[in-house]
Amino acid sequence: MWEQLKMYLKELFDELVKRLQNAKQKDLRPEIIRVQGEPEYNIRIPGGKSIFEVVLKEYRNGITISTNSSEKAIQQVMMPDATLQDALRVVQSAIIIVYGKSLH
């Protein structure tokens, strides 16, 4: 199970970086949106005609990470014992890798 989770997270991080690089080339910026009143963040990465979206939602025993785009089916994984801050640090790391700085 942990090997599958690690593979999924690596694929997700690689996809995130790829989408961010594509957005940067088109002079587009990702959005990190906190959902009011919920332990949830939406990360939207524009890509021209499509938007890649990552939803981070915290529960009592961890977080779920869901991805959605017009090109791929929705994928979802549960990360036990992780927090929203853990996941946001990973997203910020990807942004810093691509853009060379934090965008907010």
PDB file of N, CA and C in Angstrom:
ATOM      1  N   MET A   1       0.821  -1.190   0.000  1.00  0.00           N
ATOM      2  CA  MET A   1       0.000   0.000   0.000  1.00  0.00           C
ATOM      3  C   MET A   1       0.866   1.255   0.000  1.00  0.00           C
ATOM      4  N   TRP A   2       1.913   1.289   0.836  1.00  0.00           N
ATOM      5  CA  TRP A   2       2.755   2.484   0.907  1.00  0.00           C
ATOM      6  C   TRP A   2       3.496   2.715  -0.402  1.00  0.00           C
ATOM      7  N   GLU A   3       3.878   1.618  -1.065  1.00  0.00           N
ATOM      8  CA  GLU A   3       4.555   1.754  -2.356  1.00  0.00           C
ATOM      9  C   GLU A   3       3.620   2.376  -3.391  1.00  0.00           C
ATOM     10  N   GLN A   4       2.362   1.948  -3.391  1.00  0.00           N
ATOM     11  CA  GLN A   4       1.377   2.529  -4.302  1.00  0.00           C
ATOM     12  C   GLN A   4       1.174   4.003  -4.009  1.00  0.00           C
ATOM     13  N   LEU A   5       1.074   4.359  -2.741  1.00  0.00           N
ATOM     14  CA  LEU A   5       0.891   5.753  -2.348  1.00  0.00           C
ATOM     15  C   LEU A   5       2.085   6.589  -2.786  1.00  0.00           C
ATOM     16  N   LYS A   6       3.302   6.089  -2.569  1.00  0.00           N
ATOM     17  CA  LYS A   6       4.504   6.816  -2.979  1.00  0.00           C
ATOM     18  C   LYS A   6       4.540   7.014  -4.492  1.00  0.00           C
ATOM     19  N   MET A   7       4.169   5.977  -5.245  1.00  0.00           N
ATOM     20  CA  MET A   7       4.143   6.088  -6.707  1.00  0.00           C
ATOM     21  C   MET A   7       3.124   7.126  -7.157  1.00  0.00           C
ATOM     22  N   TYR A   8       1.935   7.099  -6.548  1.00  0.00           N
ATOM     23  CA  TYR A   8       0.900   8.055  -6.909  1.00  0.00           C
ATOM     24  C   TYR A   8       1.355   9.484  -6.607  1.00  0.00           C
ATOM     25  N   LEU A   9       1.946   9.674  -5.431  1.00  0.00           N
ATOM     26  CA  LEU A   9       2.387  11.012  -5.056  1.00  0.00           C
ATOM     27  C   LEU A   9       3.513  11.509  -5.954  1.00  0.00           C
ATOM     28  N   LYS A  10       4.410  10.633  -6.357  1.00  0.00           N
ATOM     29  CA  LYS A  10       5.466  11.024  -7.286  1.00  0.00           C
ATOM     30  C   LYS A  10       4.866  11.412  -8.633  1.00  0.00           C
ATOM     31  N   GLU A  11       3.923  10.601  -9.132  1.00  0.00           N
ATOM     32  CA  GLU A  11       3.249  10.917 -10.393  1.00  0.00           C
ATOM     33  C   GLU A  11       2.503  12.243 -10.289  1.00  0.00           C
ATOM     34  N   LEU A  12       1.828  12.461  -9.162  1.00  0.00           N
ATOM     35  CA  LEU A  12       1.096  13.711  -8.958  1.00  0.00           C
ATOM     36  C   LEU A  12       2.050  14.899  -8.941  1.00  0.00           C
ATOM     37  N   PHE A  13       3.177  14.785  -8.230  1.00  0.00           N
ATOM     38  CA  PHE A  13       4.143  15.875  -8.170  1.00  0.00           C
ATOM     39  C   PHE A  13       4.708  16.152  -9.563  1.00  0.00           C
ATOM     40  N   ASP A  14       5.045  15.102 -10.306  1.00  0.00           N
ATOM     41  CA  ASP A  14       5.560  15.269 -11.668  1.00  0.00           C
ATOM     42  C   ASP A  14       4.525  15.953 -12.559  1.00  0.00           C
ATOM     43  N   GLU A  15       3.265  15.555 -12.435  1.00  0.00           N
ATOM     44  CA  GLU A  15       2.184  16.167 -13.220  1.00  0.00           C
ATOM     45  C   GLU A  15       2.002  17.635 -12.826  1.00  0.00           C
ATOM     46  N   LEU A  16       2.076  17.902 -11.549  1.00  0.00           N
ATOM     47  CA  LEU A  16       1.958  19.272 -11.047  1.00  0.00           C
ATOM     48  C   LEU A  16       3.054  20.156 -11.630  1.00  0.00           C
ATOM     49  N   VAL A  17       4.293  19.689 -11.598  1.00  0.00           N
ATOM     50  CA  VAL A  17       5.414  20.455 -12.144  1.00  0.00           C
ATOM     51  C   VAL A  17       5.230  20.656 -13.646  1.00  0.00           C
ATOM     52  N   LYS A  18       4.831  19.608 -14.353  1.00  0.00           N
ATOM     53  CA  LYS A  18       4.622  19.712 -15.803  1.00  0.00           C
ATOM     54  C   LYS A  18       3.546  20.753 -16.121  1.00  0.00           C
ATOM     55  N   ARG A  19       2.442  20.717 -15.391  1.00  0.00           N
ATOM     56  CA  ARG A  19       1.344  21.680 -15.617  1.00  0.00           C
ATOM     57  C   ARG A  19       1.786  23.103 -15.276  1.00  0.00           C
ATOM     58  N   LEU A  20       2.546  23.241 -14.203  1.00  0.00           N
ATOM     59  CA  LEU A  20       3.054  24.571 -13.838  1.00  0.00           C
ATOM     60  C   LEU A  20       4.006  25.110 -14.904  1.00  0.00           C
ATOM     61  N   GLN A  21       4.869  24.260 -15.440  1.00  0.00           N
ATOM     62  CA  GLN A  21       5.789  24.692 -16.493  1.00  0.00           C
ATOM     63  C   GLN A  21       5.018  25.139 -17.734  1.00  0.00           C
ATOM     64  N   ASN A  22       3.972  24.392 -18.076  1.00  0.00           N
ATOM     65  CA  ASN A  22       3.133  24.750 -19.217  1.00  0.00           C
ATOM     66  C   ASN A  22       2.450  26.097 -18.974  1.00  0.00           C
ATOM     67  N   ALA A  23       1.930  26.304 -17.771  1.00  0.00           N
ATOM     68  CA  ALA A  23       1.277  27.575 -17.433  1.00  0.00           C
ATOM     69  C   ALA A  23       2.276  28.727 -17.488  1.00  0.00           C
ATOM     70  N   LYS A  24       3.468  28.509 -16.968  1.00  0.00           N
ATOM     71  CA  LYS A  24       4.488  29.558 -16.969  1.00  0.00           C
ATOM     72  C   LYS A  24       4.864  29.956 -18.399  1.00  0.00           C
ATOM     73  N   GLN A  25       5.002  28.973 -19.288  1.00  0.00           N
ATOM     74  CA  GLN A  25       5.334  29.263 -20.688  1.00  0.00           C
ATOM     75  C   GLN A  25       4.256  30.110 -21.352  1.00  0.00           C
ATOM     76  N   LYS A  26       3.021  29.962 -20.902  1.00  0.00           N
ATOM     77  CA  LYS A  26       1.904  30.730 -21.465  1.00  0.00           C
ATOM     78  C   LYS A  26       1.623  31.995 -20.656  1.00  0.00           C
ATOM     79  N   ASP A  27       2.524  32.302 -19.725  1.00  0.00           N
ATOM     80  CA  ASP A  27       2.403  33.469 -18.852  1.00  0.00           C
ATOM     81  C   ASP A  27       1.117  33.440 -18.013  1.00  0.00           C
ATOM     82  N   LEU A  28       0.758  32.238 -17.562  1.00  0.00           N
ATOM     83  CA  LEU A  28      -0.412  32.048 -16.709  1.00  0.00           C
ATOM     84  C   LEU A  28       0.060  31.684 -15.309  1.00  0.00           C
ATOM     85  N   ARG A  29      -0.754  32.022 -14.321  1.00  0.00           N
ATOM     86  CA  ARG A  29      -0.380  31.753 -12.928  1.00  0.00           C
ATOM     87  C   ARG A  29      -1.395  30.830 -12.268  1.00  0.00           C
ATOM     88  N   PRO A  30      -0.904  29.931 -11.424  1.00  0.00           N
ATOM     89  CA  PRO A  30      -1.828  29.064 -10.683  1.00  0.00           C
ATOM     90  C   PRO A  30      -2.534  29.856  -9.590  1.00  0.00           C
ATOM     91  N   GLU A  31      -3.662  29.333  -9.155  1.00  0.00           N
ATOM     92  CA  GLU A  31      -4.401  29.932  -8.048  1.00  0.00           C
ATOM     93  C   GLU A  31      -4.479  28.916  -6.916  1.00  0.00           C
ATOM     94  N   ILE A  32      -4.259  29.385  -5.704  1.00  0.00           N
ATOM     95  CA  ILE A  32      -4.470  28.558  -4.514  1.00  0.00           C
ATOM     96  C   ILE A  32      -5.618  29.213  -3.766  1.00  0.00           C
ATOM     97  N   ILE A  33      -6.733  28.502  -3.688  1.00  0.00           N
ATOM     98  CA  ILE A  33      -7.960  29.081  -3.133  1.00  0.00           C
ATOM     99  C   ILE A  33      -8.380  28.301  -1.896  1.00  0.00           C
ATOM    100  N   ARG A  34      -8.514  29.014  -0.788  1.00  0.00           N
ATOM    101  CA  ARG A  34      -9.021  28.384   0.443  1.00  0.00           C
ATOM    102  C   ARG A  34     -10.533  28.417   0.389  1.00  0.00           C
ATOM    103  N   VAL A  35     -11.162  27.279   0.624  1.00  0.00           N
ATOM    104  CA  VAL A  35     -12.614  27.194   0.638  1.00  0.00           C
ATOM    105  C   VAL A  35     -13.102  27.717   1.985  1.00  0.00           C
ATOM    106  N   GLN A  36     -13.949  28.749   1.946  1.00  0.00           N
ATOM    107  CA  GLN A  36     -14.455  29.386   3.166  1.00  0.00           C
ATOM    108  C   GLN A  36     -15.158  28.379   4.073  1.00  0.00           C
ATOM    109  N   GLY A  37     -14.768  28.376   5.322  1.00  0.00           N
ATOM    110  CA  GLY A  37     -15.428  27.558   6.328  1.00  0.00           C
ATOM    111  C   GLY A  37     -15.132  26.067   6.251  1.00  0.00           C
ATOM    112  N   GLU A  38     -14.253  25.675   5.370  1.00  0.00           N
ATOM    113  CA  GLU A  38     -13.922  24.258   5.203  1.00  0.00           C
ATOM    114  C   GLU A  38     -12.421  24.048   5.314  1.00  0.00           C
ATOM    115  N   PRO A  39     -11.998  22.890   5.802  1.00  0.00           N
ATOM    116  CA  PRO A  39     -10.567  22.572   5.795  1.00  0.00           C
ATOM    117  C   PRO A  39     -10.169  22.042   4.413  1.00  0.00           C
ATOM    118  N   GLU A  40     -10.203  22.949   3.417  1.00  0.00           N
ATOM    119  CA  GLU A  40     -10.022  22.535   2.034  1.00  0.00           C
ATOM    120  C   GLU A  40      -9.381  23.654   1.219  1.00  0.00           C
ATOM    121  N   TYR A  41      -8.510  23.255   0.289  1.00  0.00           N
ATOM    122  CA  TYR A  41      -7.892  24.177  -0.663  1.00  0.00           C
ATOM    123  C   TYR A  41      -8.068  23.618  -2.072  1.00  0.00           C
ATOM    124  N   ASN A  42      -8.286  24.519  -3.018  1.00  0.00           N
ATOM    125  CA  ASN A  42      -8.323  24.165  -4.430  1.00  0.00           C
ATOM    126  C   ASN A  42      -7.139  24.835  -5.108  1.00  0.00           C
ATOM    127  N   ILE A  43      -6.376  24.070  -5.832  1.00  0.00           N
ATOM    128  CA  ILE A  43      -5.251  24.609  -6.599  1.00  0.00           C
ATOM    129  C   ILE A  43      -5.638  24.464  -8.061  1.00  0.00           C
ATOM    130  N   ARG A  44      -5.724  25.593  -8.750  1.00  0.00           N
ATOM    131  CA  ARG A  44      -6.102  25.589 -10.164  1.00  0.00           C
ATOM    132  C   ARG A  44      -4.932  26.063 -11.000  1.00  0.00           C
ATOM    133  N   ILE A  45      -4.583  25.233 -11.985  1.00  0.00           N
ATOM    134  CA  ILE A  45      -3.474  25.559 -12.870  1.00  0.00           C
ATOM    135  C   ILE A  45      -4.035  25.676 -14.285  1.00  0.00           C
ATOM    136  N   PRO A  46      -4.117  26.898 -14.806  1.00  0.00           N
ATOM    137  CA  PRO A  46      -4.643  27.060 -16.163  1.00  0.00           C
ATOM    138  C   PRO A  46      -3.665  26.519 -17.188  1.00  0.00           C
ATOM    139  N   GLY A  47      -4.208  26.043 -18.285  1.00  0.00           N
ATOM    140  CA  GLY A  47      -3.352  25.511 -19.339  1.00  0.00           C
ATOM    141  C   GLY A  47      -3.815  25.935 -20.709  1.00  0.00           C
ATOM    142  N   GLY A  48      -4.513  27.047 -20.777  1.00  0.00           N
ATOM    143  CA  GLY A  48      -5.064  27.481 -22.051  1.00  0.00           C
ATOM    144  C   GLY A  48      -6.523  27.086 -22.110  1.00  0.00           C
ATOM    145  N   LYS A  49      -6.815  25.988 -22.800  1.00  0.00           N
ATOM    146  CA  LYS A  49      -8.197  25.536 -22.953  1.00  0.00           C
ATOM    147  C   LYS A  49      -8.687  24.720 -21.764  1.00  0.00           C
ATOM    148  N   SER A  50      -7.783  24.203 -20.964  1.00  0.00           N
ATOM    149  CA  SER A  50      -8.184  23.359 -19.841  1.00  0.00           C
ATOM    150  C   SER A  50      -7.589  23.877 -18.539  1.00  0.00           C
ATOM    151  N   ILE A  51      -8.160  23.407 -17.471  1.00  0.00           N
ATOM    152  CA  ILE A  51      -7.655  23.736 -16.131  1.00  0.00           C
ATOM    153  C   ILE A  51      -7.397  22.423 -15.406  1.00  0.00           C
ATOM    154  N   PHE A  52      -6.214  22.308 -14.822  1.00  0.00           N
ATOM    155  CA  PHE A  52      -5.868  21.166 -13.979  1.00  0.00           C
ATOM    156  C   PHE A  52      -6.158  21.599 -12.557  1.00  0.00           C
ATOM    157  N   GLU A  53      -6.916  20.806 -11.833  1.00  0.00           N
ATOM    158  CA  GLU A  53      -7.305  21.182 -10.484  1.00  0.00           C
ATOM    159  C   GLU A  53      -6.902  20.097  -9.497  1.00  0.00           C
ATOM    160  N   VAL A  54      -6.334  20.534  -8.384  1.00  0.00           N
ATOM    161  CA  VAL A  54      -5.989  19.654  -7.278  1.00  0.00           C
ATOM    162  C   VAL A  54      -6.792  20.139  -6.078  1.00  0.00           C
ATOM    163  N   VAL A  55      -7.501  19.231  -5.447  1.00  0.00           N
ATOM    164  CA  VAL A  55      -8.296  19.563  -4.268  1.00  0.00           C
ATOM    165  C   VAL A  55      -7.673  18.854  -3.072  1.00  0.00           C
ATOM    166  N   LEU A  56      -7.328  19.637  -2.063  1.00  0.00           N
ATOM    167  CA  LEU A  56      -6.766  19.120  -0.813  1.00  0.00           C
ATOM    168  C   LEU A  56      -7.831  19.299   0.267  1.00  0.00           C
ATOM    169  N   LYS A  57      -8.228  18.218   0.896  1.00  0.00           N
ATOM    170  CA  LYS A  57      -9.255  18.310   1.920  1.00  0.00           C
ATOM    171  C   LYS A  57      -8.813  17.540   3.155  1.00  0.00           C
ATOM    172  N   GLU A  58      -8.903  18.205   4.303  1.00  0.00           N
ATOM    173  CA  GLU A  58      -8.456  17.597   5.552  1.00  0.00           C
ATOM    174  C   GLU A  58      -9.628  16.948   6.277  1.00  0.00           C
ATOM    175  N   TYR A  59      -9.352  15.766   6.807  1.00  0.00           N
ATOM    176  CA  TYR A  59     -10.295  15.034   7.636  1.00  0.00           C
ATOM    177  C   TYR A  59      -9.640  14.762   8.977  1.00  0.00           C
ATOM    178  N   ARG A  60     -10.352  14.140   9.862  1.00  0.00           N
ATOM    179  CA  ARG A  60      -9.857  13.864  11.207  1.00  0.00           C
ATOM    180  C   ARG A  60      -8.583  12.999  11.174  1.00  0.00           C
ATOM    181  N   ASN A  61      -8.486  12.081  10.236  1.00  0.00           N
ATOM    182  CA  ASN A  61      -7.359  11.147  10.244  1.00  0.00           C
ATOM    183  C   ASN A  61      -6.418  11.328   9.046  1.00  0.00           C
ATOM    184  N   GLY A  62      -6.422  12.484   8.416  1.00  0.00           N
ATOM    185  CA  GLY A  62      -5.521  12.733   7.290  1.00  0.00           C
ATOM    186  C   GLY A  62      -6.149  13.648   6.256  1.00  0.00           C
ATOM    187  N   ILE A  63      -5.614  13.594   5.052  1.00  0.00           N
ATOM    188  CA  ILE A  63      -6.153  14.416   3.969  1.00  0.00           C
ATOM    189  C   ILE A  63      -6.425  13.549   2.748  1.00  0.00           C
ATOM    190  N   THR A  64      -7.280  14.066   1.884  1.00  0.00           N
ATOM    191  CA  THR A  64      -7.441  13.463   0.569  1.00  0.00           C
ATOM    192  C   THR A  64      -6.909  14.451  -0.452  1.00  0.00           C
ATOM    193  N   ILE A  65      -6.329  13.900  -1.491  1.00  0.00           N
ATOM    194  CA  ILE A  65      -5.865  14.691  -2.618  1.00  0.00           C
ATOM    195  C   ILE A  65      -6.624  14.175  -3.832  1.00  0.00           C
ATOM    196  N   SER A  66      -7.367  15.065  -4.465  1.00  0.00           N
ATOM    197  CA  SER A  66      -8.114  14.712  -5.667  1.00  0.00           C
ATOM    198  C   SER A  66      -7.603  15.571  -6.812  1.00  0.00           C
ATOM    199  N   THR A  67      -7.488  14.974  -7.991  1.00  0.00           N
ATOM    200  CA  THR A  67      -7.090  15.732  -9.173  1.00  0.00           C
ATOM    201  C   THR A  67      -8.173  15.612 -10.225  1.00  0.00           C
ATOM    202  N   ASN A  68      -8.304  16.661 -11.018  1.00  0.00           N
ATOM    203  CA  ASN A  68      -9.321  16.696 -12.039  1.00  0.00           C
ATOM    204  C   ASN A  68      -8.825  17.544 -13.197  1.00  0.00           C
ATOM    205  N   SER A  69      -9.070  17.096 -14.397  1.00  0.00           N
ATOM    206  CA  SER A  69      -8.805  17.904 -15.590  1.00  0.00           C
ATOM    207  C   SER A  69      -9.715  17.401 -16.691  1.00  0.00           C
ATOM    208  N   SER A  70      -9.818  18.186 -17.733  1.00  0.00           N
ATOM    209  CA  SER A  70     -10.668  17.771 -18.843  1.00  0.00           C
ATOM    210  C   SER A  70     -10.046  16.604 -19.605  1.00  0.00           C
ATOM    211  N   GLU A  71      -8.727  16.382 -19.421  1.00  0.00           N
ATOM    212  CA  GLU A  71      -8.040  15.322 -20.153  1.00  0.00           C
ATOM    213  C   GLU A  71      -7.971  14.001 -19.387  1.00  0.00           C
ATOM    214  N   LYS A  72      -8.103  14.039 -18.079  1.00  0.00           N
ATOM    215  CA  LYS A  72      -7.942  12.831 -17.265  1.00  0.00           C
ATOM    216  C   LYS A  72      -9.125  12.671 -16.324  1.00  0.00           C
ATOM    217  N   ALA A  73      -9.408  11.424 -16.000  1.00  0.00           N
ATOM    218  CA  ALA A  73     -10.448  11.144 -15.022  1.00  0.00           C
ATOM    219  C   ALA A  73     -10.000  11.604 -13.644  1.00  0.00           C
ATOM    220  N   ILE A  74     -10.950  11.793 -12.791  1.00  0.00           N
ATOM    221  CA  ILE A  74     -10.647  12.212 -11.425  1.00  0.00           C
ATOM    222  C   ILE A  74      -9.909  11.087 -10.714  1.00  0.00           C
ATOM    223  N   GLN A  75      -8.824  11.449 -10.039  1.00  0.00           N
ATOM    224  CA  GLN A  75      -8.084  10.503  -9.211  1.00  0.00           C
ATOM    225  C   GLN A  75      -8.128  11.008  -7.786  1.00  0.00           C
ATOM    226  N   GLN A  76      -8.130  10.098  -6.838  1.00  0.00           N
ATOM    227  CA  GLN A  76      -8.172  10.501  -5.436  1.00  0.00           C
ATOM    228  C   GLN A  76      -7.331   9.538  -4.611  1.00  0.00           C
ATOM    229  N   VAL A  77      -6.618  10.090  -3.624  1.00  0.00           N
ATOM    230  CA  VAL A  77      -5.829   9.276  -2.719  1.00  0.00           C
ATOM    231  C   VAL A  77      -5.961   9.856  -1.310  1.00  0.00           C
ATOM    232  N   MET A  78      -5.938   8.969  -0.335  1.00  0.00           N
ATOM    233  CA  MET A  78      -5.983   9.375   1.072  1.00  0.00           C
ATOM    234  C   MET A  78      -4.574   9.300   1.631  1.00  0.00           C
ATOM    235  N   MET A  79      -4.183  10.333   2.349  1.00  0.00           N
ATOM    236  CA  MET A  79      -2.881  10.340   3.021  1.00  0.00           C
ATOM    237  C   MET A  79      -3.121  10.365   4.528  1.00  0.00           C
ATOM    238  N   PRO A  80      -3.050   9.213   5.170  1.00  0.00           N
ATOM    239  CA  PRO A  80      -3.277   9.169   6.616  1.00  0.00           C
ATOM    240  C   PRO A  80      -2.219   9.975   7.356  1.00  0.00           C
ATOM    241  N   ASP A  81      -2.637  10.638   8.391  1.00  0.00           N
ATOM    242  CA  ASP A  81      -1.766  11.402   9.291  1.00  0.00           C
ATOM    243  C   ASP A  81      -1.149  12.655   8.666  1.00  0.00           C
ATOM    244  N   ALA A  82      -1.451  12.980   7.418  1.00  0.00           N
ATOM    245  CA  ALA A  82      -0.947  14.213   6.807  1.00  0.00           C
ATOM    246  C   ALA A  82      -1.894  15.368   7.152  1.00  0.00           C
ATOM    247  N   THR A  83      -1.386  16.584   7.032  1.00  0.00           N
ATOM    248  CA  THR A  83      -2.195  17.775   7.274  1.00  0.00           C
ATOM    249  C   THR A  83      -2.257  18.605   5.996  1.00  0.00           C
ATOM    250  N   LEU A  84      -3.174  19.558   5.991  1.00  0.00           N
ATOM    251  CA  LEU A  84      -3.243  20.478   4.853  1.00  0.00           C
ATOM    252  C   LEU A  84      -1.937  21.235   4.690  1.00  0.00           C
ATOM    253  N   GLN A  85      -1.325  21.606   5.789  1.00  0.00           N
ATOM    254  CA  GLN A  85      -0.063  22.345   5.714  1.00  0.00           C
ATOM    255  C   GLN A  85       1.036  21.503   5.060  1.00  0.00           C
ATOM    256  N   ASP A  86       1.056  20.210   5.350  1.00  0.00           N
ATOM    257  CA  ASP A  86       2.020  19.314   4.702  1.00  0.00           C
ATOM    258  C   ASP A  86       1.831  19.350   3.186  1.00  0.00           C
ATOM    259  N   ALA A  87       0.588  19.189   2.756  1.00  0.00           N
ATOM    260  CA  ALA A  87       0.289  19.153   1.321  1.00  0.00           C
ATOM    261  C   ALA A  87       0.560  20.507   0.663  1.00  0.00           C
ATOM    262  N   LEU A  88       0.217  21.590   1.342  1.00  0.00           N
ATOM    263  CA  LEU A  88       0.460  22.925   0.783  1.00  0.00           C
ATOM    264  C   LEU A  88       1.956  23.200   0.630  1.00  0.00           C
ATOM    265  N   ARG A  89       2.760  22.692   1.538  1.00  0.00           N
ATOM    266  CA  ARG A  89       4.219  22.853   1.412  1.00  0.00           C
ATOM    267  C   ARG A  89       4.737  22.173   0.148  1.00  0.00           C
ATOM    268  N   VAL A  90       4.171  21.024  -0.178  1.00  0.00           N
ATOM    269  CA  VAL A  90       4.577  20.312  -1.390  1.00  0.00           C
ATOM    270  C   VAL A  90       4.168  21.111  -2.629  1.00  0.00           C
ATOM    271  N   VAL A  91       2.952  21.649  -2.626  1.00  0.00           N
ATOM    272  CA  VAL A  91       2.492  22.461  -3.760  1.00  0.00           C
ATOM    273  C   VAL A  91       3.366  23.702  -3.900  1.00  0.00           C
ATOM    274  N   GLN A  92       3.670  24.363  -2.786  1.00  0.00           N
ATOM    275  CA  GLN A  92       4.533  25.550  -2.830  1.00  0.00           C
ATOM    276  C   GLN A  92       5.928  25.185  -3.335  1.00  0.00           C
ATOM    277  N   SER A  93       6.421  24.010  -2.972  1.00  0.00           N
ATOM    278  CA  SER A  93       7.734  23.565  -3.463  1.00  0.00           C
ATOM    279  C   SER A  93       7.714  23.432  -4.981  1.00  0.00           C
ATOM    280  N   ALA A  94       6.658  22.859  -5.521  1.00  0.00           N
ATOM    281  CA  ALA A  94       6.541  22.722  -6.977  1.00  0.00           C
ATOM    282  C   ALA A  94       6.500  24.098  -7.641  1.00  0.00           C
ATOM    283  N   ILE A  95       5.769  25.024  -7.053  1.00  0.00           N
ATOM    284  CA  ILE A  95       5.684  26.384  -7.604  1.00  0.00           C
ATOM    285  C   ILE A  95       7.053  27.052  -7.578  1.00  0.00           C
ATOM    286  N   ILE A  96       7.764  26.905  -6.483  1.00  0.00           N
ATOM    287  CA  ILE A  96       9.106  27.509  -6.366  1.00  0.00           C
ATOM    288  C   ILE A  96      10.074  26.876  -7.375  1.00  0.00           C
ATOM    289  N   ILE A  97       9.987  25.566  -7.574  1.00  0.00           N
ATOM    290  CA  ILE A  97      10.840  24.908  -8.554  1.00  0.00           C
ATOM    291  C   ILE A  97      10.617  25.515  -9.942  1.00  0.00           C
ATOM    292  N   VAL A  98       9.369  25.728 -10.306  1.00  0.00           N
ATOM    293  CA  VAL A  98       9.029  26.203 -11.660  1.00  0.00           C
ATOM    294  C   VAL A  98       9.207  27.709 -11.803  1.00  0.00           C
ATOM    295  N   TYR A  99       8.685  28.490 -10.865  1.00  0.00           N
ATOM    296  CA  TYR A  99       8.671  29.938 -10.987  1.00  0.00           C
ATOM    297  C   TYR A  99       9.879  30.614 -10.325  1.00  0.00           C
ATOM    298  N   GLY A 100      10.614  29.861  -9.514  1.00  0.00           N
ATOM    299  CA  GLY A 100      11.787  30.431  -8.853  1.00  0.00           C
ATOM    300  C   GLY A 100      11.452  31.225  -7.610  1.00  0.00           C
ATOM    301  N   LYS A 101      10.180  31.282  -7.254  1.00  0.00           N
ATOM    302  CA  LYS A 101       9.741  32.021  -6.063  1.00  0.00           C
ATOM    303  C   LYS A 101       8.311  31.628  -5.727  1.00  0.00           C
ATOM    304  N   SER A 102       7.885  31.983  -4.532  1.00  0.00           N
ATOM    305  CA  SER A 102       6.497  31.782  -4.148  1.00  0.00           C
ATOM    306  C   SER A 102       5.662  32.846  -4.870  1.00  0.00           C
ATOM    307  N   LEU A 103       4.450  32.517  -5.224  1.00  0.00           N
ATOM    308  CA  LEU A 103       3.630  33.468  -5.983  1.00  0.00           C
ATOM    309  C   LEU A 103       2.662  34.276  -5.126  1.00  0.00           C
ATOM    310  N   HIS A 104       2.742  34.105  -3.816  1.00  0.00           N
ATOM    311  CA  HIS A 104       1.884  34.949  -2.959  1.00  0.00           C
ATOM    312  C   HIS A 104       2.610  35.351  -1.713  1.00  0.00           C
TER     313      HIS A 104
END
